[in-house]
Amino acid sequence: MNDVNRSFPVTIDPAIVASNPFVEDTSVTSAAPDATSENETALYITRYRLAHWKTTLLPTIPTSAYITNATITMKSSFTDGDYVAAYEVLTDWDESLTWNQYTDPTNPKGKLDDTV
């Protein structure tokens, strides 16, 4: 590392990856308004299906760590001009969330902000 001919930045092999077991996710759909879909390996989104994702505890990383990249990937397979957007969730929710709870006019759970 201290070689004068070394060019920076350098990549450490293997990369340090911090996975987070403290993730909650679910999706709700108008097609099954009382159903719960918790801990799916993929979250599918359509006009009538919404996905919720959150982390309940961030991983501990060393104070000397220099984070160079963090990603969350959303992929759209829509072909008719639709898009996927991320919204802040304004009301509390957990993995038992259903479409009927989400759309409850008096006590909505997992209600999304109007702003992308």
PDB file of N, CA and C in Angstrom:
ATOM      1  N   MET A   1       0.816  -1.201   0.000  1.00  0.00           N
ATOM      2  CA  MET A   1       0.000   0.000   0.000  1.00  0.00           C
ATOM      3  C   MET A   1       0.855   1.259   0.000  1.00  0.00           C
ATOM      4  N   ASN A   2       2.021   1.190   0.617  1.00  0.00           N
ATOM      5  CA  ASN A   2       2.853   2.386   0.730  1.00  0.00           C
ATOM      6  C   ASN A   2       3.811   2.563  -0.432  1.00  0.00           C
ATOM      7  N   ASP A   3       3.740   1.709  -1.452  1.00  0.00           N
ATOM      8  CA  ASP A   3       4.597   1.819  -2.627  1.00  0.00           C
ATOM      9  C   ASP A   3       4.347   3.163  -3.312  1.00  0.00           C
ATOM     10  N   VAL A   4       5.392   3.908  -3.633  1.00  0.00           N
ATOM     11  CA  VAL A   4       5.245   5.224  -4.250  1.00  0.00           C
ATOM     12  C   VAL A   4       4.624   5.133  -5.640  1.00  0.00           C
ATOM     13  N   ASN A   5       4.701   3.974  -6.255  1.00  0.00           N
ATOM     14  CA  ASN A   5       4.122   3.796  -7.587  1.00  0.00           C
ATOM     15  C   ASN A   5       2.656   3.340  -7.536  1.00  0.00           C
ATOM     16  N   ARG A   6       2.118   3.201  -6.343  1.00  0.00           N
ATOM     17  CA  ARG A   6       0.731   2.749  -6.178  1.00  0.00           C
ATOM     18  C   ARG A   6      -0.204   3.844  -6.673  1.00  0.00           C
ATOM     19  N   SER A   7      -1.207   3.457  -7.437  1.00  0.00           N
ATOM     20  CA  SER A   7      -2.210   4.448  -7.844  1.00  0.00           C
ATOM     21  C   SER A   7      -3.470   4.226  -7.009  1.00  0.00           C
ATOM     22  N   PHE A   8      -4.089   5.307  -6.683  1.00  0.00           N
ATOM     23  CA  PHE A   8      -5.281   5.266  -5.845  1.00  0.00           C
ATOM     24  C   PHE A   8      -6.476   5.743  -6.652  1.00  0.00           C
ATOM     25  N   PRO A   9      -7.683   5.331  -6.367  1.00  0.00           N
ATOM     26  CA  PRO A   9      -8.034   4.482  -5.230  1.00  0.00           C
ATOM     27  C   PRO A   9      -7.684   3.022  -5.484  1.00  0.00           C
ATOM     28  N   VAL A  10      -7.622   2.255  -4.421  1.00  0.00           N
ATOM     29  CA  VAL A  10      -7.367   0.824  -4.509  1.00  0.00           C
ATOM     30  C   VAL A  10      -8.620   0.076  -4.086  1.00  0.00           C
ATOM     31  N   THR A  11      -8.741  -1.141  -4.538  1.00  0.00           N
ATOM     32  CA  THR A  11      -9.854  -1.996  -4.151  1.00  0.00           C
ATOM     33  C   THR A  11      -9.329  -3.090  -3.256  1.00  0.00           C
ATOM     34  N   ILE A  12      -9.973  -3.288  -2.129  1.00  0.00           N
ATOM     35  CA  ILE A  12      -9.601  -4.346  -1.198  1.00  0.00           C
ATOM     36  C   ILE A  12     -10.355  -5.602  -1.608  1.00  0.00           C
ATOM     37  N   ASP A  13      -9.665  -6.708  -1.692  1.00  0.00           N
ATOM     38  CA  ASP A  13     -10.310  -7.956  -2.071  1.00  0.00           C
ATOM     39  C   ASP A  13     -10.153  -8.925  -0.923  1.00  0.00           C
ATOM     40  N   PRO A  14     -11.181  -9.473  -0.352  1.00  0.00           N
ATOM     41  CA  PRO A  14     -12.565  -9.312  -0.796  1.00  0.00           C
ATOM     42  C   PRO A  14     -13.172  -8.035  -0.229  1.00  0.00           C
ATOM     43  N   ALA A  15     -14.220  -7.580  -0.868  1.00  0.00           N
ATOM     44  CA  ALA A  15     -14.942  -6.398  -0.387  1.00  0.00           C
ATOM     45  C   ALA A  15     -15.639  -6.733   0.923  1.00  0.00           C
ATOM     46  N   ILE A  16     -15.795  -5.742   1.759  1.00  0.00           N
ATOM     47  CA  ILE A  16     -16.528  -5.924   3.010  1.00  0.00           C
ATOM     48  C   ILE A  16     -17.987  -5.587   2.731  1.00  0.00           C
ATOM     49  N   VAL A  17     -18.854  -6.537   2.973  1.00  0.00           N
ATOM     50  CA  VAL A  17     -20.274  -6.342   2.722  1.00  0.00           C
ATOM     51  C   VAL A  17     -21.018  -6.513   4.038  1.00  0.00           C
ATOM     52  N   ALA A  18     -21.808  -5.526   4.406  1.00  0.00           N
ATOM     53  CA  ALA A  18     -22.590  -5.602   5.640  1.00  0.00           C
ATOM     54  C   ALA A  18     -24.030  -5.924   5.279  1.00  0.00           C
ATOM     55  N   SER A  19     -24.429  -7.144   5.542  1.00  0.00           N
ATOM     56  CA  SER A  19     -25.834  -7.472   5.304  1.00  0.00           C
ATOM     57  C   SER A  19     -26.637  -7.085   6.542  1.00  0.00           C
ATOM     58  N   ASN A  20     -27.908  -6.911   6.365  1.00  0.00           N
ATOM     59  CA  ASN A  20     -28.740  -6.427   7.461  1.00  0.00           C
ATOM     60  C   ASN A  20     -29.893  -7.392   7.698  1.00  0.00           C
ATOM     61  N   PRO A  21     -29.835  -8.162   8.787  1.00  0.00           N
ATOM     62  CA  PRO A  21     -30.943  -9.072   9.076  1.00  0.00           C
ATOM     63  C   PRO A  21     -32.160  -8.346   9.650  1.00  0.00           C
ATOM     64  N   PHE A  22     -32.039  -7.058   9.880  1.00  0.00           N
ATOM     65  CA  PHE A  22     -33.116  -6.292  10.491  1.00  0.00           C
ATOM     66  C   PHE A  22     -33.927  -5.539   9.438  1.00  0.00           C
ATOM     67  N   VAL A  23     -34.383  -6.276   8.440  1.00  0.00           N
ATOM     68  CA  VAL A  23     -35.187  -5.702   7.373  1.00  0.00           C
ATOM     69  C   VAL A  23     -36.583  -6.301   7.443  1.00  0.00           C
ATOM     70  N   GLU A  24     -37.577  -5.446   7.312  1.00  0.00           N
ATOM     71  CA  GLU A  24     -38.963  -5.897   7.228  1.00  0.00           C
ATOM     72  C   GLU A  24     -39.495  -5.482   5.873  1.00  0.00           C
ATOM     73  N   ASP A  25     -40.222  -6.375   5.233  1.00  0.00           N
ATOM     74  CA  ASP A  25     -40.842  -6.032   3.969  1.00  0.00           C
ATOM     75  C   ASP A  25     -42.161  -6.762   3.822  1.00  0.00           C
ATOM     76  N   THR A  26     -43.009  -6.201   3.019  1.00  0.00           N
ATOM     77  CA  THR A  26     -44.288  -6.819   2.704  1.00  0.00           C
ATOM     78  C   THR A  26     -44.843  -6.131   1.477  1.00  0.00           C
ATOM     79  N   SER A  27     -45.818  -6.749   0.881  1.00  0.00           N
ATOM     80  CA  SER A  27     -46.540  -6.091  -0.199  1.00  0.00           C
ATOM     81  C   SER A  27     -48.031  -6.259   0.050  1.00  0.00           C
ATOM     82  N   VAL A  28     -48.785  -5.295  -0.412  1.00  0.00           N
ATOM     83  CA  VAL A  28     -50.237  -5.327  -0.251  1.00  0.00           C
ATOM     84  C   VAL A  28     -50.863  -5.215  -1.635  1.00  0.00           C
ATOM     85  N   THR A  29     -51.995  -5.871  -1.820  1.00  0.00           N
ATOM     86  CA  THR A  29     -52.650  -5.853  -3.116  1.00  0.00           C
ATOM     87  C   THR A  29     -54.156  -5.755  -2.968  1.00  0.00           C
ATOM     88  N   SER A  30     -54.755  -5.012  -3.875  1.00  0.00           N
ATOM     89  CA  SER A  30     -56.208  -4.888  -3.867  1.00  0.00           C
ATOM     90  C   SER A  30     -56.879  -6.199  -4.278  1.00  0.00           C
ATOM     91  N   ALA A  31     -56.134  -7.088  -4.931  1.00  0.00           N
ATOM     92  CA  ALA A  31     -56.695  -8.378  -5.342  1.00  0.00           C
ATOM     93  C   ALA A  31     -56.938  -9.303  -4.151  1.00  0.00           C
ATOM     94  N   ALA A  32     -56.203  -9.106  -3.064  1.00  0.00           N
ATOM     95  CA  ALA A  32     -56.380  -9.885  -1.830  1.00  0.00           C
ATOM     96  C   ALA A  32     -56.287  -8.903  -0.670  1.00  0.00           C
ATOM     97  N   PRO A  33     -57.320  -8.110  -0.427  1.00  0.00           N
ATOM     98  CA  PRO A  33     -57.239  -6.967   0.489  1.00  0.00           C
ATOM     99  C   PRO A  33     -56.997  -7.309   1.950  1.00  0.00           C
ATOM    100  N   ASP A  34     -57.204  -8.556   2.355  1.00  0.00           N
ATOM    101  CA  ASP A  34     -56.940  -8.944   3.743  1.00  0.00           C
ATOM    102  C   ASP A  34     -55.719  -9.842   3.879  1.00  0.00           C
ATOM    103  N   ALA A  35     -55.004 -10.068   2.788  1.00  0.00           N
ATOM    104  CA  ALA A  35     -53.847 -10.972   2.801  1.00  0.00           C
ATOM    105  C   ALA A  35     -52.593 -10.252   3.266  1.00  0.00           C
ATOM    106  N   THR A  36     -51.684 -11.022   3.850  1.00  0.00           N
ATOM    107  CA  THR A  36     -50.374 -10.551   4.279  1.00  0.00           C
ATOM    108  C   THR A  36     -49.317 -11.272   3.461  1.00  0.00           C
ATOM    109  N   SER A  37     -48.311 -10.547   2.996  1.00  0.00           N
ATOM    110  CA  SER A  37     -47.228 -11.136   2.202  1.00  0.00           C
ATOM    111  C   SER A  37     -45.904 -10.704   2.800  1.00  0.00           C
ATOM    112  N   GLU A  38     -45.501 -11.321   3.887  1.00  0.00           N
ATOM    113  CA  GLU A  38     -44.296 -10.864   4.572  1.00  0.00           C
ATOM    114  C   GLU A  38     -43.059 -11.624   4.138  1.00  0.00           C
ATOM    115  N   ASN A  39     -41.915 -10.965   4.257  1.00  0.00           N
ATOM    116  CA  ASN A  39     -40.590 -11.530   4.005  1.00  0.00           C
ATOM    117  C   ASN A  39     -40.468 -12.237   2.668  1.00  0.00           C
ATOM    118  N   GLU A  40     -40.859 -11.562   1.608  1.00  0.00           N
ATOM    119  CA  GLU A  40     -40.717 -12.119   0.272  1.00  0.00           C
ATOM    120  C   GLU A  40     -39.287 -11.942  -0.218  1.00  0.00           C
ATOM    121  N   THR A  41     -38.851 -12.815  -1.113  1.00  0.00           N
ATOM    122  CA  THR A  41     -37.511 -12.667  -1.674  1.00  0.00           C
ATOM    123  C   THR A  41     -37.489 -11.619  -2.774  1.00  0.00           C
ATOM    124  N   ALA A  42     -38.643 -11.329  -3.354  1.00  0.00           N
ATOM    125  CA  ALA A  42     -38.779 -10.266  -4.348  1.00  0.00           C
ATOM    126  C   ALA A  42     -40.075  -9.527  -4.055  1.00  0.00           C
ATOM    127  N   LEU A  43     -40.045  -8.237  -4.217  1.00  0.00           N
ATOM    128  CA  LEU A  43     -41.233  -7.420  -4.000  1.00  0.00           C
ATOM    129  C   LEU A  43     -41.748  -6.961  -5.356  1.00  0.00           C
ATOM    130  N   TYR A  44     -42.932  -7.403  -5.708  1.00  0.00           N
ATOM    131  CA  TYR A  44     -43.511  -7.067  -6.995  1.00  0.00           C
ATOM    132  C   TYR A  44     -44.453  -5.882  -6.858  1.00  0.00           C
ATOM    133  N   ILE A  45     -44.387  -4.990  -7.837  1.00  0.00           N
ATOM    134  CA  ILE A  45     -45.159  -3.763  -7.798  1.00  0.00           C
ATOM    135  C   ILE A  45     -45.948  -3.645  -9.094  1.00  0.00           C
ATOM    136  N   THR A  46     -47.223  -3.351  -8.956  1.00  0.00           N
ATOM    137  CA  THR A  46     -48.078  -3.078 -10.107  1.00  0.00           C
ATOM    138  C   THR A  46     -48.957  -1.890  -9.749  1.00  0.00           C
ATOM    139  N   ARG A  47     -49.906  -1.596 -10.596  1.00  0.00           N
ATOM    140  CA  ARG A  47     -50.849  -0.515 -10.276  1.00  0.00           C
ATOM    141  C   ARG A  47     -51.671  -0.844  -9.038  1.00  0.00           C
ATOM    142  N   TYR A  48     -51.849  -2.141  -8.771  1.00  0.00           N
ATOM    143  CA  TYR A  48     -52.723  -2.577  -7.681  1.00  0.00           C
ATOM    144  C   TYR A  48     -51.972  -3.348  -6.606  1.00  0.00           C
ATOM    145  N   ARG A  49     -50.653  -3.250  -6.607  1.00  0.00           N
ATOM    146  CA  ARG A  49     -49.831  -3.939  -5.613  1.00  0.00           C
ATOM    147  C   ARG A  49     -48.696  -3.005  -5.208  1.00  0.00           C
ATOM    148  N   LEU A  50     -48.601  -2.731  -3.914  1.00  0.00           N
ATOM    149  CA  LEU A  50     -47.568  -1.851  -3.376  1.00  0.00           C
ATOM    150  C   LEU A  50     -46.622  -2.649  -2.498  1.00  0.00           C
ATOM    151  N   ALA A  51     -45.359  -2.281  -2.490  1.00  0.00           N
ATOM    152  CA  ALA A  51     -44.378  -2.936  -1.634  1.00  0.00           C
ATOM    153  C   ALA A  51     -43.905  -1.959  -0.569  1.00  0.00           C
ATOM    154  N   HIS A  52     -43.700  -2.478   0.636  1.00  0.00           N
ATOM    155  CA  HIS A  52     -43.157  -1.688   1.745  1.00  0.00           C
ATOM    156  C   HIS A  52     -41.864  -2.364   2.205  1.00  0.00           C
ATOM    157  N   TRP A  53     -40.835  -1.556   2.453  1.00  0.00           N
ATOM    158  CA  TRP A  53     -39.533  -2.070   2.878  1.00  0.00           C
ATOM    159  C   TRP A  53     -38.957  -1.101   3.888  1.00  0.00           C
ATOM    160  N   LYS A  54     -38.393  -1.644   4.975  1.00  0.00           N
ATOM    161  CA  LYS A  54     -37.717  -0.774   5.953  1.00  0.00           C
ATOM    162  C   LYS A  54     -36.658  -1.585   6.696  1.00  0.00           C
ATOM    163  N   THR A  55     -35.715  -0.863   7.244  1.00  0.00           N
ATOM    164  CA  THR A  55     -34.736  -1.479   8.124  1.00  0.00           C
ATOM    165  C   THR A  55     -35.040  -1.008   9.536  1.00  0.00           C
ATOM    166  N   THR A  56     -35.004  -1.936  10.477  1.00  0.00           N
ATOM    167  CA  THR A  56     -35.330  -1.590  11.859  1.00  0.00           C
ATOM    168  C   THR A  56     -34.085  -1.306  12.689  1.00  0.00           C
ATOM    169  N   LEU A  57     -32.920  -1.683  12.158  1.00  0.00           N
ATOM    170  CA  LEU A  57     -31.659  -1.426  12.859  1.00  0.00           C
ATOM    171  C   LEU A  57     -30.544  -1.436  11.827  1.00  0.00           C
ATOM    172  N   LEU A  58     -29.764  -0.403  11.802  1.00  0.00           N
ATOM    173  CA  LEU A  58     -28.648  -0.345  10.865  1.00  0.00           C
ATOM    174  C   LEU A  58     -27.478  -1.167  11.383  1.00  0.00           C
ATOM    175  N   PRO A  59     -26.681  -1.765  10.491  1.00  0.00           N
ATOM    176  CA  PRO A  59     -25.535  -2.553  10.937  1.00  0.00           C
ATOM    177  C   PRO A  59     -24.469  -1.647  11.544  1.00  0.00           C
ATOM    178  N   THR A  60     -23.656  -2.205  12.414  1.00  0.00           N
ATOM    179  CA  THR A  60     -22.541  -1.476  13.005  1.00  0.00           C
ATOM    180  C   THR A  60     -21.344  -1.579  12.076  1.00  0.00           C
ATOM    181  N   ILE A  61     -20.781  -0.454  11.751  1.00  0.00           N
ATOM    182  CA  ILE A  61     -19.566  -0.450  10.941  1.00  0.00           C
ATOM    183  C   ILE A  61     -18.488   0.315  11.699  1.00  0.00           C
ATOM    184  N   PRO A  62     -17.231  -0.003  11.457  1.00  0.00           N
ATOM    185  CA  PRO A  62     -16.151   0.695  12.168  1.00  0.00           C
ATOM    186  C   PRO A  62     -16.171   2.190  11.875  1.00  0.00           C
ATOM    187  N   THR A  63     -15.783   2.991  12.849  1.00  0.00           N
ATOM    188  CA  THR A  63     -15.760   4.441  12.658  1.00  0.00           C
ATOM    189  C   THR A  63     -14.745   4.850  11.599  1.00  0.00           C
ATOM    190  N   SER A  64     -13.768   4.000  11.346  1.00  0.00           N
ATOM    191  CA  SER A  64     -12.760   4.311  10.336  1.00  0.00           C
ATOM    192  C   SER A  64     -13.196   3.896   8.926  1.00  0.00           C
ATOM    193  N   ALA A  65     -14.357   3.297   8.799  1.00  0.00           N
ATOM    194  CA  ALA A  65     -14.819   2.830   7.490  1.00  0.00           C
ATOM    195  C   ALA A  65     -15.091   4.007   6.573  1.00  0.00           C
ATOM    196  N   TYR A  66     -14.766   3.832   5.327  1.00  0.00           N
ATOM    197  CA  TYR A  66     -15.027   4.833   4.295  1.00  0.00           C
ATOM    198  C   TYR A  66     -15.982   4.184   3.300  1.00  0.00           C
ATOM    199  N   ILE A  67     -17.238   4.576   3.339  1.00  0.00           N
ATOM    200  CA  ILE A  67     -18.248   3.958   2.488  1.00  0.00           C
ATOM    201  C   ILE A  67     -18.144   4.555   1.095  1.00  0.00           C
ATOM    202  N   THR A  68     -17.956   3.685   0.104  1.00  0.00           N
ATOM    203  CA  THR A  68     -17.823   4.154  -1.267  1.00  0.00           C
ATOM    204  C   THR A  68     -19.072   3.893  -2.088  1.00  0.00           C
ATOM    205  N   ASN A  69     -19.959   3.021  -1.597  1.00  0.00           N
ATOM    206  CA  ASN A  69     -21.133   2.707  -2.385  1.00  0.00           C
ATOM    207  C   ASN A  69     -22.178   2.039  -1.508  1.00  0.00           C
ATOM    208  N   ALA A  70     -23.417   2.421  -1.701  1.00  0.00           N
ATOM    209  CA  ALA A  70     -24.549   1.755  -1.061  1.00  0.00           C
ATOM    210  C   ALA A  70     -25.691   1.810  -2.059  1.00  0.00           C
ATOM    211  N   THR A  71     -26.340   0.694  -2.286  1.00  0.00           N
ATOM    212  CA  THR A  71     -27.386   0.670  -3.301  1.00  0.00           C
ATOM    213  C   THR A  71     -28.614  -0.087  -2.836  1.00  0.00           C
ATOM    214  N   ILE A  72     -29.728   0.296  -3.386  1.00  0.00           N
ATOM    215  CA  ILE A  72     -30.943  -0.498  -3.359  1.00  0.00           C
ATOM    216  C   ILE A  72     -31.428  -0.441  -4.803  1.00  0.00           C
ATOM    217  N   THR A  73     -31.737  -1.573  -5.361  1.00  0.00           N
ATOM    218  CA  THR A  73     -32.065  -1.641  -6.776  1.00  0.00           C
ATOM    219  C   THR A  73     -33.545  -1.898  -6.957  1.00  0.00           C
ATOM    220  N   MET A  74     -34.155  -1.120  -7.831  1.00  0.00           N
ATOM    221  CA  MET A  74     -35.540  -1.344  -8.229  1.00  0.00           C
ATOM    222  C   MET A  74     -35.538  -1.510  -9.740  1.00  0.00           C
ATOM    223  N   LYS A  75     -36.152  -2.571 -10.192  1.00  0.00           N
ATOM    224  CA  LYS A  75     -36.165  -2.861 -11.616  1.00  0.00           C
ATOM    225  C   LYS A  75     -37.602  -2.913 -12.104  1.00  0.00           C
ATOM    226  N   SER A  76     -37.863  -2.222 -13.176  1.00  0.00           N
ATOM    227  CA  SER A  76     -39.204  -2.213 -13.746  1.00  0.00           C
ATOM    228  C   SER A  76     -39.257  -3.119 -14.963  1.00  0.00           C
ATOM    229  N   SER A  77     -40.287  -3.936 -15.031  1.00  0.00           N
ATOM    230  CA  SER A  77     -40.507  -4.741 -16.232  1.00  0.00           C
ATOM    231  C   SER A  77     -41.735  -4.246 -16.980  1.00  0.00           C
ATOM    232  N   PHE A  78     -42.222  -3.062 -16.609  1.00  0.00           N
ATOM    233  CA  PHE A  78     -43.373  -2.490 -17.289  1.00  0.00           C
ATOM    234  C   PHE A  78     -42.989  -2.106 -18.710  1.00  0.00           C
ATOM    235  N   THR A  79     -43.900  -2.287 -19.625  1.00  0.00           N
ATOM    236  CA  THR A  79     -43.626  -1.939 -21.023  1.00  0.00           C
ATOM    237  C   THR A  79     -44.556  -0.850 -21.530  1.00  0.00           C
ATOM    238  N   ASP A  80     -45.497  -0.431 -20.720  1.00  0.00           N
ATOM    239  CA  ASP A  80     -46.466   0.547 -21.206  1.00  0.00           C
ATOM    240  C   ASP A  80     -46.252   1.948 -20.634  1.00  0.00           C
ATOM    241  N   GLY A  81     -45.018   2.277 -20.272  1.00  0.00           N
ATOM    242  CA  GLY A  81     -44.714   3.616 -19.804  1.00  0.00           C
ATOM    243  C   GLY A  81     -44.871   3.835 -18.315  1.00  0.00           C
ATOM    244  N   ASP A  82     -45.244   2.798 -17.560  1.00  0.00           N
ATOM    245  CA  ASP A  82     -45.335   2.944 -16.111  1.00  0.00           C
ATOM    246  C   ASP A  82     -43.932   3.036 -15.513  1.00  0.00           C
ATOM    247  N   TYR A  83     -43.854   3.389 -14.256  1.00  0.00           N
ATOM    248  CA  TYR A  83     -42.578   3.535 -13.586  1.00  0.00           C
ATOM    249  C   TYR A  83     -42.687   3.050 -12.149  1.00  0.00           C
ATOM    250  N   VAL A  84     -41.536   2.850 -11.527  1.00  0.00           N
ATOM    251  CA  VAL A  84     -41.453   2.501 -10.114  1.00  0.00           C
ATOM    252  C   VAL A  84     -40.928   3.731  -9.390  1.00  0.00           C
ATOM    253  N   ALA A  85     -41.544   4.084  -8.285  1.00  0.00           N
ATOM    254  CA  ALA A  85     -41.117   5.257  -7.528  1.00  0.00           C
ATOM    255  C   ALA A  85     -40.978   4.886  -6.064  1.00  0.00           C
ATOM    256  N   ALA A  86     -40.129   5.601  -5.354  1.00  0.00           N
ATOM    257  CA  ALA A  86     -39.940   5.386  -3.920  1.00  0.00           C
ATOM    258  C   ALA A  86     -40.555   6.558  -3.164  1.00  0.00           C
ATOM    259  N   TYR A  87     -41.323   6.236  -2.133  1.00  0.00           N
ATOM    260  CA  TYR A  87     -42.002   7.232  -1.320  1.00  0.00           C
ATOM    261  C   TYR A  87     -41.662   7.015   0.152  1.00  0.00           C
ATOM    262  N   GLU A  88     -41.627   8.088   0.910  1.00  0.00           N
ATOM    263  CA  GLU A  88     -41.505   7.976   2.360  1.00  0.00           C
ATOM    264  C   GLU A  88     -42.827   7.447   2.914  1.00  0.00           C
ATOM    265  N   VAL A  89     -42.725   6.531   3.867  1.00  0.00           N
ATOM    266  CA  VAL A  89     -43.924   6.009   4.526  1.00  0.00           C
ATOM    267  C   VAL A  89     -44.175   6.870   5.761  1.00  0.00           C
ATOM    268  N   LEU A  90     -45.373   7.431   5.849  1.00  0.00           N
ATOM    269  CA  LEU A  90     -45.687   8.418   6.888  1.00  0.00           C
ATOM    270  C   LEU A  90     -46.306   7.828   8.145  1.00  0.00           C
ATOM    271  N   THR A  91     -46.868   6.630   8.055  1.00  0.00           N
ATOM    272  CA  THR A  91     -47.516   6.027   9.217  1.00  0.00           C
ATOM    273  C   THR A  91     -46.896   4.663   9.493  1.00  0.00           C
ATOM    274  N   ASP A  92     -46.933   4.254  10.732  1.00  0.00           N
ATOM    275  CA  ASP A  92     -46.317   3.005  11.149  1.00  0.00           C
ATOM    276  C   ASP A  92     -46.954   1.805  10.442  1.00  0.00           C
ATOM    277  N   TRP A  93     -46.169   0.772  10.238  1.00  0.00           N
ATOM    278  CA  TRP A  93     -46.655  -0.472   9.650  1.00  0.00           C
ATOM    279  C   TRP A  93     -45.728  -1.598  10.095  1.00  0.00           C
ATOM    280  N   ASP A  94     -46.213  -2.818   9.977  1.00  0.00           N
ATOM    281  CA  ASP A  94     -45.361  -3.980  10.201  1.00  0.00           C
ATOM    282  C   ASP A  94     -45.684  -5.007   9.125  1.00  0.00           C
ATOM    283  N   GLU A  95     -45.080  -6.168   9.231  1.00  0.00           N
ATOM    284  CA  GLU A  95     -45.208  -7.168   8.169  1.00  0.00           C
ATOM    285  C   GLU A  95     -46.604  -7.776   8.058  1.00  0.00           C
ATOM    286  N   SER A  96     -47.482  -7.462   8.976  1.00  0.00           N
ATOM    287  CA  SER A  96     -48.859  -7.957   8.877  1.00  0.00           C
ATOM    288  C   SER A  96     -49.763  -6.975   8.124  1.00  0.00           C
ATOM    289  N   LEU A  97     -49.174  -5.963   7.505  1.00  0.00           N
ATOM    290  CA  LEU A  97     -49.930  -4.953   6.772  1.00  0.00           C
ATOM    291  C   LEU A  97     -50.766  -5.591   5.660  1.00  0.00           C
ATOM    292  N   THR A  98     -51.994  -5.111   5.498  1.00  0.00           N
ATOM    293  CA  THR A  98     -52.871  -5.553   4.414  1.00  0.00           C
ATOM    294  C   THR A  98     -53.343  -4.342   3.620  1.00  0.00           C
ATOM    295  N   TRP A  99     -53.905  -4.594   2.448  1.00  0.00           N
ATOM    296  CA  TRP A  99     -54.446  -3.515   1.618  1.00  0.00           C
ATOM    297  C   TRP A  99     -55.536  -2.761   2.372  1.00  0.00           C
ATOM    298  N   ASN A 100     -56.399  -3.486   3.067  1.00  0.00           N
ATOM    299  CA  ASN A 100     -57.479  -2.825   3.803  1.00  0.00           C
ATOM    300  C   ASN A 100     -56.945  -1.931   4.915  1.00  0.00           C
ATOM    301  N   GLN A 101     -55.856  -2.318   5.565  1.00  0.00           N
ATOM    302  CA  GLN A 101     -55.261  -1.456   6.587  1.00  0.00           C
ATOM    303  C   GLN A 101     -54.629  -0.229   5.940  1.00  0.00           C
ATOM    304  N   TYR A 102     -53.980  -0.445   4.804  1.00  0.00           N
ATOM    305  CA  TYR A 102     -53.326   0.644   4.079  1.00  0.00           C
ATOM    306  C   TYR A 102     -54.346   1.694   3.630  1.00  0.00           C
ATOM    307  N   THR A 103     -55.519   1.251   3.197  1.00  0.00           N
ATOM    308  CA  THR A 103     -56.524   2.171   2.675  1.00  0.00           C
ATOM    309  C   THR A 103     -57.567   2.596   3.706  1.00  0.00           C
ATOM    310  N   ASP A 104     -57.407   2.174   4.956  1.00  0.00           N
ATOM    311  CA  ASP A 104     -58.361   2.543   6.007  1.00  0.00           C
ATOM    312  C   ASP A 104     -58.395   4.070   6.148  1.00  0.00           C
ATOM    313  N   PRO A 105     -59.553   4.696   5.925  1.00  0.00           N
ATOM    314  CA  PRO A 105     -59.609   6.158   5.947  1.00  0.00           C
ATOM    315  C   PRO A 105     -59.433   6.773   7.340  1.00  0.00           C
ATOM    316  N   THR A 106     -59.702   6.022   8.408  1.00  0.00           N
ATOM    317  CA  THR A 106     -59.608   6.594   9.748  1.00  0.00           C
ATOM    318  C   THR A 106     -58.291   6.264  10.443  1.00  0.00           C
ATOM    319  N   ASN A 107     -57.657   5.152  10.107  1.00  0.00           N
ATOM    320  CA  ASN A 107     -56.402   4.773  10.755  1.00  0.00           C
ATOM    321  C   ASN A 107     -55.512   4.029   9.760  1.00  0.00           C
ATOM    322  N   PRO A 108     -55.037   4.719   8.717  1.00  0.00           N
ATOM    323  CA  PRO A 108     -54.225   4.020   7.712  1.00  0.00           C
ATOM    324  C   PRO A 108     -52.858   3.609   8.259  1.00  0.00           C
ATOM    325  N   LYS A 109     -52.416   2.447   7.867  1.00  0.00           N
ATOM    326  CA  LYS A 109     -51.083   1.971   8.216  1.00  0.00           C
ATOM    327  C   LYS A 109     -50.243   1.930   6.952  1.00  0.00           C
ATOM    328  N   GLY A 110     -48.979   2.311   7.060  1.00  0.00           N
ATOM    329  CA  GLY A 110     -48.104   2.285   5.896  1.00  0.00           C
ATOM    330  C   GLY A 110     -48.499   3.265   4.819  1.00  0.00           C
ATOM    331  N   LYS A 111     -49.113   4.384   5.212  1.00  0.00           N
ATOM    332  CA  LYS A 111     -49.583   5.371   4.244  1.00  0.00           C
ATOM    333  C   LYS A 111     -48.393   6.106   3.636  1.00  0.00           C
ATOM    334  N   LEU A 112     -48.409   6.244   2.318  1.00  0.00           N
ATOM    335  CA  LEU A 112     -47.291   6.856   1.596  1.00  0.00           C
ATOM    336  C   LEU A 112     -47.455   8.366   1.467  1.00  0.00           C
ATOM    337  N   ASP A 113     -46.332   9.060   1.445  1.00  0.00           N
ATOM    338  CA  ASP A 113     -46.304  10.488   1.150  1.00  0.00           C
ATOM    339  C   ASP A 113     -46.753  10.682  -0.297  1.00  0.00           C
ATOM    340  N   ASP A 114     -47.227  11.847  -0.637  1.00  0.00           N
ATOM    341  CA  ASP A 114     -47.631  12.139  -2.002  1.00  0.00           C
ATOM    342  C   ASP A 114     -46.443  12.492  -2.894  1.00  0.00           C
ATOM    343  N   THR A 115     -45.301  12.780  -2.287  1.00  0.00           N
ATOM    344  CA  THR A 115     -44.126  13.230  -3.033  1.00  0.00           C
ATOM    345  C   THR A 115     -43.149  12.080  -3.248  1.00  0.00           C
ATOM    346  N   VAL A 116     -42.707  11.932  -4.497  1.00  0.00           N
ATOM    347  CA  VAL A 116     -41.708  10.898  -4.825  1.00  0.00           C
ATOM    348  C   VAL A 116     -40.390  11.315  -4.237  1.00  0.00           C
TER     349      VAL A 116
END
